[in-house]
Amino acid sequence: KQNKLDEAELLYKRALEGREEMLGPKHSSTLTTVNNLAGLFKKQNKLDEAELLYKRALEGREEMLGPKHSSTLTTVNNLAGLFKKQNKLDEAELLYKRALEGQEEMLGPKHSSTLNTVNNLAILFYKQNKLDEAESLLKWALKGYEEIHGPKHSFTLKTVELMIHILKIQGRIDEANELKLKY
């Protein structure tokens, strides 16, 4: 968080080495470190390294925790985000949908993790120019974020901002202005 990414990388690698040695490569703490190091690599734009680690974390979590465990689904969502950044949009869509289906079933449609995946998938649909699908998901995310966080929370407001943008693209200026006034 302090943006000392090289130092963080060294510490994550040290932690990973120690956890692999003491706990084994498939222990949940080891896999959490693998997932976190992948996230750091993503932030550093080391995308190939990040992909390898996310896939390793996903494979281990699926095996040890099951395909619908919240930690497994978090890694599915993270890998989807990486694929989106790599412009592998079809692969990202499949993974976001998998994460969403699992989170909705295991956590419920209004859980913050579910809503974050809904929002991520909506952004992906926007990027793919699937505006109707994006709008539908944004409505879901917006309703949930308002209930959980309130109308002035950054998650709520970012969702509103994208919804307004989509409405404007579709030529629905009056609806966009109404939404803008509401928030």
N, C-alpha and C. Protein backbone atom coordinates (compact mmCIF):
# COMPACT_ATOMS: atom_id res chain seq x y z
N LYS A 1 0.82 -1.20 0.00
CA LYS A 1 0.00 0.00 0.00
C LYS A 1 0.85 1.26 0.00
N GLN A 2 2.10 1.15 0.47
CA GLN A 2 3.01 2.29 0.47
C GLN A 2 3.72 2.43 -0.88
N ASN A 3 3.37 1.58 -1.80
CA ASN A 3 3.95 1.58 -3.14
C ASN A 3 5.44 1.21 -3.13
N LYS A 4 5.85 0.47 -2.13
CA LYS A 4 7.22 -0.06 -2.08
C LYS A 4 7.17 -1.48 -2.65
N LEU A 5 6.93 -1.55 -3.95
CA LEU A 5 6.60 -2.82 -4.59
C LEU A 5 7.77 -3.79 -4.63
N ASP A 6 8.97 -3.29 -4.84
CA ASP A 6 10.12 -4.20 -4.87
C ASP A 6 10.37 -4.82 -3.49
N GLU A 7 10.22 -4.01 -2.45
CA GLU A 7 10.39 -4.52 -1.09
C GLU A 7 9.28 -5.53 -0.78
N ALA A 8 8.08 -5.22 -1.19
CA ALA A 8 6.95 -6.13 -0.95
C ALA A 8 7.19 -7.46 -1.66
N GLU A 9 7.71 -7.38 -2.89
CA GLU A 9 7.99 -8.61 -3.63
C GLU A 9 8.98 -9.50 -2.88
N LEU A 10 10.05 -8.91 -2.38
CA LEU A 10 11.04 -9.69 -1.62
C LEU A 10 10.41 -10.34 -0.39
N LEU A 11 9.57 -9.61 0.30
CA LEU A 11 8.94 -10.15 1.50
C LEU A 11 7.93 -11.24 1.17
N TYR A 12 7.14 -11.03 0.13
CA TYR A 12 6.20 -12.08 -0.29
C TYR A 12 6.94 -13.35 -0.68
N LYS A 13 8.04 -13.19 -1.42
CA LYS A 13 8.81 -14.36 -1.84
C LYS A 13 9.41 -15.07 -0.64
N ARG A 14 9.88 -14.31 0.32
CA ARG A 14 10.42 -14.91 1.55
C ARG A 14 9.32 -15.65 2.31
N ALA A 15 8.18 -15.02 2.44
CA ALA A 15 7.05 -15.66 3.12
C ALA A 15 6.62 -16.93 2.39
N LEU A 16 6.59 -16.86 1.07
CA LEU A 16 6.18 -18.01 0.29
C LEU A 16 7.16 -19.17 0.48
N GLU A 17 8.43 -18.86 0.41
CA GLU A 17 9.45 -19.90 0.60
C GLU A 17 9.30 -20.56 1.97
N GLY A 18 9.12 -19.75 2.99
CA GLY A 18 8.96 -20.29 4.34
C GLY A 18 7.69 -21.11 4.51
N ARG A 19 6.61 -20.63 3.95
CA ARG A 19 5.34 -21.36 4.06
C ARG A 19 5.38 -22.67 3.28
N GLU A 20 5.99 -22.65 2.10
CA GLU A 20 6.11 -23.90 1.34
C GLU A 20 6.93 -24.92 2.13
N GLU A 21 8.00 -24.46 2.75
CA GLU A 21 8.87 -25.36 3.51
C GLU A 21 8.18 -25.89 4.77
N MET A 22 7.51 -25.01 5.50
CA MET A 22 6.93 -25.40 6.79
C MET A 22 5.52 -25.99 6.67
N LEU A 23 4.74 -25.50 5.74
CA LEU A 23 3.33 -25.90 5.65
C LEU A 23 3.03 -26.76 4.43
N GLY A 24 3.85 -26.64 3.41
CA GLY A 24 3.61 -27.37 2.17
C GLY A 24 3.03 -26.46 1.11
N PRO A 25 3.13 -26.88 -0.14
CA PRO A 25 2.71 -26.03 -1.26
C PRO A 25 1.20 -25.88 -1.40
N LYS A 26 0.41 -26.74 -0.77
CA LYS A 26 -1.05 -26.68 -0.94
C LYS A 26 -1.78 -26.19 0.30
N HIS A 27 -1.05 -25.79 1.33
CA HIS A 27 -1.68 -25.27 2.55
C HIS A 27 -2.38 -23.95 2.22
N SER A 28 -3.49 -23.69 2.89
CA SER A 28 -4.26 -22.48 2.57
C SER A 28 -3.44 -21.20 2.77
N SER A 29 -2.59 -21.16 3.79
CA SER A 29 -1.76 -19.97 3.99
C SER A 29 -0.73 -19.80 2.87
N THR A 30 -0.18 -20.91 2.41
CA THR A 30 0.75 -20.86 1.29
C THR A 30 0.04 -20.34 0.05
N LEU A 31 -1.15 -20.86 -0.21
CA LEU A 31 -1.90 -20.46 -1.40
C LEU A 31 -2.36 -19.00 -1.32
N THR A 32 -2.62 -18.52 -0.11
CA THR A 32 -2.95 -17.11 0.05
C THR A 32 -1.76 -16.24 -0.32
N THR A 33 -0.57 -16.67 0.08
CA THR A 33 0.64 -15.93 -0.28
C THR A 33 0.88 -15.97 -1.78
N VAL A 34 0.63 -17.12 -2.40
CA VAL A 34 0.76 -17.23 -3.86
C VAL A 34 -0.20 -16.24 -4.53
N ASN A 35 -1.45 -16.21 -4.07
CA ASN A 35 -2.45 -15.30 -4.62
C ASN A 35 -2.03 -13.85 -4.43
N ASN A 36 -1.52 -13.52 -3.25
CA ASN A 36 -1.11 -12.14 -2.97
C ASN A 36 0.11 -11.73 -3.80
N LEU A 37 1.04 -12.63 -3.98
CA LEU A 37 2.20 -12.33 -4.82
C LEU A 37 1.77 -12.13 -6.27
N ALA A 38 0.81 -12.92 -6.71
CA ALA A 38 0.25 -12.72 -8.07
C ALA A 38 -0.34 -11.32 -8.20
N GLY A 39 -1.06 -10.89 -7.18
CA GLY A 39 -1.64 -9.55 -7.20
C GLY A 39 -0.58 -8.46 -7.27
N LEU A 40 0.52 -8.68 -6.55
CA LEU A 40 1.63 -7.73 -6.62
C LEU A 40 2.24 -7.71 -8.02
N PHE A 41 2.45 -8.91 -8.59
CA PHE A 41 2.98 -8.97 -9.95
C PHE A 41 2.05 -8.26 -10.93
N LYS A 42 0.76 -8.42 -10.75
CA LYS A 42 -0.20 -7.72 -11.62
C LYS A 42 0.00 -6.22 -11.51
N LYS A 43 0.15 -5.73 -10.28
CA LYS A 43 0.36 -4.30 -10.05
C LYS A 43 1.67 -3.83 -10.68
N GLN A 44 2.68 -4.70 -10.68
CA GLN A 44 3.98 -4.36 -11.26
C GLN A 44 4.00 -4.56 -12.78
N ASN A 45 2.89 -4.99 -13.34
CA ASN A 45 2.79 -5.28 -14.78
C ASN A 45 3.63 -6.48 -15.19
N LYS A 46 3.91 -7.37 -14.27
CA LYS A 46 4.56 -8.65 -14.58
C LYS A 46 3.44 -9.66 -14.81
N LEU A 47 2.75 -9.48 -15.92
CA LEU A 47 1.49 -10.17 -16.13
C LEU A 47 1.64 -11.67 -16.35
N ASP A 48 2.69 -12.09 -17.02
CA ASP A 48 2.89 -13.53 -17.23
C ASP A 48 3.16 -14.23 -15.90
N GLU A 49 3.99 -13.60 -15.06
CA GLU A 49 4.28 -14.18 -13.74
C GLU A 49 3.01 -14.22 -12.89
N ALA A 50 2.23 -13.15 -12.96
CA ALA A 50 0.98 -13.09 -12.20
C ALA A 50 0.04 -14.20 -12.64
N GLU A 51 -0.06 -14.40 -13.95
CA GLU A 51 -0.96 -15.44 -14.46
C GLU A 51 -0.55 -16.82 -13.94
N LEU A 52 0.74 -17.12 -13.99
CA LEU A 52 1.21 -18.42 -13.50
C LEU A 52 0.85 -18.62 -12.03
N LEU A 53 1.05 -17.59 -11.23
CA LEU A 53 0.77 -17.71 -9.80
C LEU A 53 -0.73 -17.79 -9.52
N TYR A 54 -1.53 -16.98 -10.20
CA TYR A 54 -2.99 -17.08 -10.00
C TYR A 54 -3.48 -18.48 -10.37
N LYS A 55 -2.95 -19.02 -11.46
CA LYS A 55 -3.37 -20.37 -11.87
C LYS A 55 -2.93 -21.40 -10.84
N ARG A 56 -1.74 -21.23 -10.29
CA ARG A 56 -1.27 -22.14 -9.24
C ARG A 56 -2.17 -22.04 -8.00
N ALA A 57 -2.48 -20.82 -7.60
CA ALA A 57 -3.34 -20.62 -6.44
C ALA A 57 -4.72 -21.21 -6.70
N LEU A 58 -5.25 -21.00 -7.89
CA LEU A 58 -6.57 -21.52 -8.22
C LEU A 58 -6.59 -23.04 -8.19
N GLU A 59 -5.61 -23.64 -8.82
CA GLU A 59 -5.55 -25.10 -8.85
C GLU A 59 -5.45 -25.67 -7.42
N GLY A 60 -4.61 -25.08 -6.60
CA GLY A 60 -4.46 -25.53 -5.23
C GLY A 60 -5.72 -25.33 -4.40
N ARG A 61 -6.35 -24.19 -4.55
CA ARG A 61 -7.57 -23.91 -3.79
C ARG A 61 -8.72 -24.80 -4.23
N GLU A 62 -8.81 -25.05 -5.53
CA GLU A 62 -9.86 -25.96 -6.00
C GLU A 62 -9.67 -27.34 -5.39
N GLU A 63 -8.43 -27.79 -5.38
CA GLU A 63 -8.13 -29.13 -4.85
C GLU A 63 -8.34 -29.21 -3.34
N MET A 64 -7.87 -28.21 -2.63
CA MET A 64 -7.88 -28.27 -1.16
C MET A 64 -9.19 -27.77 -0.54
N LEU A 65 -9.81 -26.77 -1.17
CA LEU A 65 -10.99 -26.13 -0.58
C LEU A 65 -12.27 -26.40 -1.35
N GLY A 66 -12.13 -26.76 -2.61
CA GLY A 66 -13.30 -26.97 -3.46
C GLY A 66 -13.54 -25.79 -4.37
N PRO A 67 -14.30 -26.03 -5.45
CA PRO A 67 -14.48 -25.00 -6.47
C PRO A 67 -15.38 -23.84 -6.04
N LYS A 68 -16.15 -24.00 -4.97
CA LYS A 68 -17.08 -22.94 -4.59
C LYS A 68 -16.72 -22.28 -3.27
N HIS A 69 -15.56 -22.59 -2.73
CA HIS A 69 -15.11 -21.93 -1.51
C HIS A 69 -14.84 -20.46 -1.81
N SER A 70 -15.09 -19.59 -0.85
CA SER A 70 -14.93 -18.16 -1.10
C SER A 70 -13.50 -17.80 -1.50
N SER A 71 -12.50 -18.46 -0.94
CA SER A 71 -11.11 -18.18 -1.33
C SER A 71 -10.84 -18.61 -2.77
N THR A 72 -11.41 -19.73 -3.16
CA THR A 72 -11.27 -20.19 -4.54
C THR A 72 -11.91 -19.17 -5.49
N LEU A 73 -13.11 -18.73 -5.14
CA LEU A 73 -13.83 -17.79 -5.99
C LEU A 73 -13.14 -16.43 -6.05
N THR A 74 -12.48 -16.05 -4.96
CA THR A 74 -11.68 -14.81 -4.98
C THR A 74 -10.56 -14.93 -6.01
N THR A 75 -9.91 -16.09 -6.04
CA THR A 75 -8.84 -16.29 -7.01
C THR A 75 -9.38 -16.33 -8.43
N VAL A 76 -10.55 -16.93 -8.62
CA VAL A 76 -11.19 -16.93 -9.95
C VAL A 76 -11.42 -15.48 -10.38
N ASN A 77 -11.95 -14.67 -9.49
CA ASN A 77 -12.20 -13.26 -9.78
C ASN A 77 -10.89 -12.51 -10.08
N ASN A 78 -9.85 -12.80 -9.30
CA ASN A 78 -8.56 -12.15 -9.53
C ASN A 78 -7.97 -12.52 -10.88
N LEU A 79 -8.06 -13.79 -11.23
CA LEU A 79 -7.54 -14.24 -12.53
C LEU A 79 -8.35 -13.61 -13.67
N ALA A 80 -9.64 -13.48 -13.48
CA ALA A 80 -10.47 -12.80 -14.48
C ALA A 80 -10.02 -11.36 -14.67
N GLY A 81 -9.72 -10.68 -13.57
CA GLY A 81 -9.24 -9.31 -13.65
C GLY A 81 -7.92 -9.21 -14.39
N LEU A 82 -7.06 -10.18 -14.16
CA LEU A 82 -5.79 -10.22 -14.88
C LEU A 82 -6.03 -10.43 -16.37
N PHE A 83 -6.92 -11.37 -16.71
CA PHE A 83 -7.24 -11.61 -18.12
C PHE A 83 -7.82 -10.35 -18.75
N LYS A 84 -8.63 -9.62 -18.01
CA LYS A 84 -9.18 -8.37 -18.55
C LYS A 84 -8.04 -7.40 -18.85
N LYS A 85 -7.09 -7.30 -17.93
CA LYS A 85 -5.95 -6.41 -18.14
C LYS A 85 -5.10 -6.85 -19.32
N GLN A 86 -5.02 -8.16 -19.57
CA GLN A 86 -4.26 -8.71 -20.69
C GLN A 86 -5.07 -8.66 -21.99
N ASN A 87 -6.28 -8.15 -21.91
CA ASN A 87 -7.20 -8.06 -23.06
C ASN A 87 -7.64 -9.44 -23.54
N LYS A 88 -7.63 -10.42 -22.65
CA LYS A 88 -8.18 -11.75 -22.94
C LYS A 88 -9.64 -11.73 -22.44
N LEU A 89 -10.46 -10.99 -23.17
CA LEU A 89 -11.79 -10.65 -22.68
C LEU A 89 -12.73 -11.85 -22.60
N ASP A 90 -12.65 -12.76 -23.54
CA ASP A 90 -13.53 -13.94 -23.49
C ASP A 90 -13.20 -14.81 -22.28
N GLU A 91 -11.90 -15.00 -22.02
CA GLU A 91 -11.49 -15.79 -20.86
C GLU A 91 -11.91 -15.10 -19.57
N ALA A 92 -11.76 -13.78 -19.54
CA ALA A 92 -12.16 -13.01 -18.36
C ALA A 92 -13.66 -13.16 -18.12
N GLU A 93 -14.44 -13.07 -19.17
CA GLU A 93 -15.89 -13.19 -19.03
C GLU A 93 -16.28 -14.54 -18.44
N LEU A 94 -15.68 -15.60 -18.95
CA LEU A 94 -16.00 -16.94 -18.42
C LEU A 94 -15.69 -17.04 -16.94
N LEU A 95 -14.54 -16.51 -16.54
CA LEU A 95 -14.16 -16.59 -15.13
C LEU A 95 -15.02 -15.70 -14.24
N TYR A 96 -15.32 -14.49 -14.70
CA TYR A 96 -16.21 -13.63 -13.91
C TYR A 96 -17.57 -14.30 -13.72
N LYS A 97 -18.08 -14.90 -14.78
CA LYS A 97 -19.38 -15.58 -14.67
C LYS A 97 -19.30 -16.75 -13.70
N ARG A 98 -18.20 -17.49 -13.76
CA ARG A 98 -18.01 -18.61 -12.81
C ARG A 98 -17.96 -18.09 -11.37
N ALA A 99 -17.19 -17.04 -11.15
CA ALA A 99 -17.08 -16.47 -9.81
C ALA A 99 -18.44 -15.97 -9.34
N LEU A 100 -19.15 -15.29 -10.21
CA LEU A 100 -20.45 -14.74 -9.84
C LEU A 100 -21.44 -15.84 -9.49
N GLU A 101 -21.49 -16.87 -10.29
CA GLU A 101 -22.40 -17.98 -10.02
C GLU A 101 -22.11 -18.61 -8.66
N GLY A 102 -20.85 -18.85 -8.39
CA GLY A 102 -20.46 -19.45 -7.12
C GLY A 102 -20.72 -18.53 -5.94
N GLN A 103 -20.38 -17.26 -6.08
CA GLN A 103 -20.59 -16.31 -4.99
C GLN A 103 -22.07 -16.10 -4.71
N GLU A 104 -22.85 -16.03 -5.75
CA GLU A 104 -24.29 -15.85 -5.56
C GLU A 104 -24.87 -17.04 -4.80
N GLU A 105 -24.43 -18.23 -5.15
CA GLU A 105 -24.91 -19.44 -4.50
C GLU A 105 -24.40 -19.55 -3.06
N MET A 106 -23.12 -19.29 -2.85
CA MET A 106 -22.52 -19.53 -1.54
C MET A 106 -22.65 -18.34 -0.58
N LEU A 107 -22.63 -17.12 -1.11
CA LEU A 107 -22.64 -15.92 -0.27
C LEU A 107 -23.94 -15.13 -0.35
N GLY A 108 -24.65 -15.30 -1.44
CA GLY A 108 -25.89 -14.55 -1.65
C GLY A 108 -25.68 -13.40 -2.62
N PRO A 109 -26.79 -12.92 -3.21
CA PRO A 109 -26.69 -11.89 -4.24
C PRO A 109 -26.32 -10.50 -3.73
N LYS A 110 -26.40 -10.29 -2.40
CA LYS A 110 -26.11 -8.95 -1.87
C LYS A 110 -24.83 -8.90 -1.05
N HIS A 111 -24.06 -9.97 -1.06
CA HIS A 111 -22.78 -9.97 -0.34
C HIS A 111 -21.80 -9.06 -1.08
N SER A 112 -20.94 -8.39 -0.33
CA SER A 112 -20.02 -7.43 -0.97
C SER A 112 -19.12 -8.09 -2.00
N SER A 113 -18.67 -9.33 -1.77
CA SER A 113 -17.84 -10.01 -2.76
C SER A 113 -18.63 -10.29 -4.04
N THR A 114 -19.87 -10.70 -3.88
CA THR A 114 -20.74 -10.93 -5.03
C THR A 114 -20.93 -9.64 -5.82
N LEU A 115 -21.21 -8.56 -5.11
CA LEU A 115 -21.45 -7.28 -5.77
C LEU A 115 -20.20 -6.78 -6.48
N ASN A 116 -19.04 -7.01 -5.90
CA ASN A 116 -17.79 -6.60 -6.56
C ASN A 116 -17.61 -7.37 -7.87
N THR A 117 -17.95 -8.66 -7.86
CA THR A 117 -17.85 -9.44 -9.09
C THR A 117 -18.89 -8.99 -10.11
N VAL A 118 -20.09 -8.67 -9.65
CA VAL A 118 -21.13 -8.12 -10.53
C VAL A 118 -20.59 -6.86 -11.20
N ASN A 119 -20.00 -6.00 -10.42
CA ASN A 119 -19.46 -4.75 -10.94
C ASN A 119 -18.30 -5.01 -11.92
N ASN A 120 -17.43 -5.95 -11.57
CA ASN A 120 -16.31 -6.28 -12.47
C ASN A 120 -16.81 -6.81 -13.81
N LEU A 121 -17.83 -7.66 -13.75
CA LEU A 121 -18.39 -8.21 -15.00
C LEU A 121 -19.08 -7.11 -15.80
N ALA A 122 -19.74 -6.19 -15.12
CA ALA A 122 -20.37 -5.06 -15.81
C ALA A 122 -19.32 -4.21 -16.54
N ILE A 123 -18.20 -3.97 -15.89
CA ILE A 123 -17.13 -3.19 -16.52
C ILE A 123 -16.59 -3.94 -17.74
N LEU A 124 -16.44 -5.24 -17.61
CA LEU A 124 -15.99 -6.04 -18.75
C LEU A 124 -16.99 -5.95 -19.90
N PHE A 125 -18.28 -6.08 -19.59
CA PHE A 125 -19.30 -5.97 -20.64
C PHE A 125 -19.24 -4.59 -21.30
N TYR A 126 -19.02 -3.57 -20.51
CA TYR A 126 -18.88 -2.22 -21.07
C TYR A 126 -17.70 -2.19 -22.05
N LYS A 127 -16.58 -2.77 -21.61
CA LYS A 127 -15.38 -2.81 -22.45
C LYS A 127 -15.64 -3.58 -23.74
N GLN A 128 -16.52 -4.59 -23.69
CA GLN A 128 -16.87 -5.39 -24.87
C GLN A 128 -18.01 -4.76 -25.67
N ASN A 129 -18.48 -3.60 -25.24
CA ASN A 129 -19.60 -2.90 -25.87
C ASN A 129 -20.92 -3.67 -25.76
N LYS A 130 -21.05 -4.45 -24.72
CA LYS A 130 -22.31 -5.14 -24.41
C LYS A 130 -23.05 -4.28 -23.38
N LEU A 131 -23.58 -3.16 -23.86
CA LEU A 131 -24.09 -2.13 -22.96
C LEU A 131 -25.35 -2.54 -22.21
N ASP A 132 -26.23 -3.29 -22.84
CA ASP A 132 -27.44 -3.72 -22.15
C ASP A 132 -27.11 -4.65 -20.99
N GLU A 133 -26.19 -5.59 -21.23
CA GLU A 133 -25.77 -6.50 -20.17
C GLU A 133 -25.06 -5.74 -19.05
N ALA A 134 -24.23 -4.78 -19.44
CA ALA A 134 -23.52 -3.97 -18.44
C ALA A 134 -24.52 -3.18 -17.59
N GLU A 135 -25.50 -2.58 -18.23
CA GLU A 135 -26.49 -1.79 -17.51
C GLU A 135 -27.27 -2.65 -16.52
N SER A 136 -27.67 -3.83 -16.95
CA SER A 136 -28.42 -4.73 -16.07
C SER A 136 -27.62 -5.08 -14.81
N LEU A 137 -26.34 -5.39 -15.00
CA LEU A 137 -25.50 -5.72 -13.86
C LEU A 137 -25.23 -4.51 -12.98
N LEU A 138 -25.06 -3.35 -13.59
CA LEU A 138 -24.84 -2.14 -12.80
C LEU A 138 -26.03 -1.81 -11.92
N LYS A 139 -27.23 -2.06 -12.42
CA LYS A 139 -28.43 -1.85 -11.59
C LYS A 139 -28.40 -2.75 -10.36
N TRP A 140 -28.01 -4.00 -10.56
CA TRP A 140 -27.88 -4.96 -9.46
C TRP A 140 -26.83 -4.46 -8.45
N ALA A 141 -25.65 -4.11 -8.97
CA ALA A 141 -24.57 -3.65 -8.10
C ALA A 141 -24.97 -2.38 -7.36
N LEU A 142 -25.59 -1.45 -8.07
CA LEU A 142 -25.98 -0.18 -7.47
C LEU A 142 -26.96 -0.39 -6.32
N LYS A 143 -27.96 -1.21 -6.54
CA LYS A 143 -28.95 -1.49 -5.49
C LYS A 143 -28.27 -2.11 -4.27
N GLY A 144 -27.40 -3.07 -4.52
CA GLY A 144 -26.70 -3.73 -3.41
C GLY A 144 -25.75 -2.80 -2.68
N TYR A 145 -24.97 -2.03 -3.42
CA TYR A 145 -24.03 -1.10 -2.79
C TYR A 145 -24.77 -0.05 -1.96
N GLU A 146 -25.89 0.43 -2.48
CA GLU A 146 -26.67 1.41 -1.71
C GLU A 146 -27.14 0.81 -0.39
N GLU A 147 -27.62 -0.43 -0.44
CA GLU A 147 -28.11 -1.08 0.78
C GLU A 147 -26.99 -1.33 1.78
N ILE A 148 -25.84 -1.76 1.28
CA ILE A 148 -24.73 -2.11 2.17
C ILE A 148 -23.95 -0.88 2.62
N HIS A 149 -23.61 -0.01 1.68
CA HIS A 149 -22.69 1.09 1.96
C HIS A 149 -23.35 2.47 2.02
N GLY A 150 -24.53 2.59 1.44
CA GLY A 150 -25.18 3.89 1.39
C GLY A 150 -24.90 4.60 0.07
N PRO A 151 -25.64 5.69 -0.19
CA PRO A 151 -25.57 6.36 -1.48
C PRO A 151 -24.30 7.18 -1.73
N LYS A 152 -23.54 7.48 -0.70
CA LYS A 152 -22.36 8.35 -0.87
C LYS A 152 -21.04 7.58 -0.84
N HIS A 153 -21.10 6.27 -0.71
CA HIS A 153 -19.89 5.46 -0.67
C HIS A 153 -19.22 5.43 -2.05
N SER A 154 -17.91 5.30 -2.07
CA SER A 154 -17.18 5.34 -3.35
C SER A 154 -17.62 4.22 -4.29
N PHE A 155 -17.92 3.01 -3.77
CA PHE A 155 -18.38 1.93 -4.64
C PHE A 155 -19.69 2.31 -5.32
N THR A 156 -20.60 2.88 -4.54
CA THR A 156 -21.90 3.30 -5.07
C THR A 156 -21.70 4.38 -6.14
N LEU A 157 -20.89 5.37 -5.82
CA LEU A 157 -20.72 6.50 -6.72
C LEU A 157 -19.98 6.11 -8.01
N LYS A 158 -19.02 5.20 -7.92
CA LYS A 158 -18.33 4.74 -9.13
C LYS A 158 -19.29 3.96 -10.03
N THR A 159 -20.18 3.21 -9.42
CA THR A 159 -21.18 2.47 -10.19
C THR A 159 -22.13 3.43 -10.87
N VAL A 160 -22.57 4.44 -10.15
CA VAL A 160 -23.44 5.47 -10.73
C VAL A 160 -22.74 6.16 -11.90
N GLU A 161 -21.47 6.48 -11.71
CA GLU A 161 -20.70 7.16 -12.76
C GLU A 161 -20.67 6.35 -14.06
N LEU A 162 -20.42 5.05 -13.94
CA LEU A 162 -20.39 4.21 -15.14
C LEU A 162 -21.80 4.08 -15.73
N MET A 163 -22.81 3.97 -14.89
CA MET A 163 -24.19 3.88 -15.38
C MET A 163 -24.55 5.14 -16.16
N ILE A 164 -24.18 6.30 -15.65
CA ILE A 164 -24.45 7.56 -16.35
C ILE A 164 -23.75 7.58 -17.70
N HIS A 165 -22.52 7.14 -17.71
CA HIS A 165 -21.75 7.10 -18.96
C HIS A 165 -22.42 6.19 -19.99
N ILE A 166 -22.87 5.03 -19.56
CA ILE A 166 -23.53 4.09 -20.47
C ILE A 166 -24.84 4.67 -21.00
N LEU A 167 -25.61 5.30 -20.11
CA LEU A 167 -26.86 5.91 -20.55
C LEU A 167 -26.60 7.00 -21.59
N LYS A 168 -25.57 7.79 -21.39
CA LYS A 168 -25.23 8.84 -22.36
C LYS A 168 -24.83 8.25 -23.71
N ILE A 169 -24.03 7.19 -23.68
CA ILE A 169 -23.61 6.53 -24.92
C ILE A 169 -24.83 6.05 -25.69
N GLN A 170 -25.83 5.57 -24.95
CA GLN A 170 -27.04 5.05 -25.58
C GLN A 170 -28.01 6.17 -25.97
N GLY A 171 -27.62 7.41 -25.73
CA GLY A 171 -28.48 8.54 -26.10
C GLY A 171 -29.61 8.79 -25.11
N ARG A 172 -29.53 8.22 -23.95
CA ARG A 172 -30.57 8.35 -22.92
C ARG A 172 -30.17 9.45 -21.93
N ILE A 173 -30.06 10.65 -22.47
CA ILE A 173 -29.53 11.80 -21.73
C ILE A 173 -30.42 12.16 -20.54
N ASP A 174 -31.74 12.13 -20.72
CA ASP A 174 -32.64 12.49 -19.62
C ASP A 174 -32.47 11.53 -18.44
N GLU A 175 -32.37 10.22 -18.73
CA GLU A 175 -32.17 9.23 -17.66
C GLU A 175 -30.82 9.45 -16.99
N ALA A 176 -29.82 9.76 -17.77
CA ALA A 176 -28.48 10.02 -17.21
C ALA A 176 -28.52 11.23 -16.29
N ASN A 177 -29.20 12.29 -16.72
CA ASN A 177 -29.29 13.50 -15.90
C ASN A 177 -30.10 13.25 -14.62
N GLU A 178 -31.16 12.47 -14.72
CA GLU A 178 -31.94 12.11 -13.54
C GLU A 178 -31.09 11.36 -12.51
N LEU A 179 -30.33 10.41 -13.00
CA LEU A 179 -29.46 9.63 -12.13
C LEU A 179 -28.40 10.53 -11.50
N LYS A 180 -27.86 11.44 -12.28
CA LYS A 180 -26.85 12.37 -11.78
C LYS A 180 -27.42 13.24 -10.67
N LEU A 181 -28.63 13.71 -10.85
CA LEU A 181 -29.29 14.55 -9.82
C LEU A 181 -29.56 13.77 -8.54
N LYS A 182 -29.87 12.51 -8.68
CA LYS A 182 -30.18 11.65 -7.52
C LYS A 182 -28.96 11.47 -6.62
N TYR A 183 -27.79 11.48 -7.22
CA TYR A 183 -26.57 11.24 -6.45
C TYR A 183 -25.72 12.49 -6.38
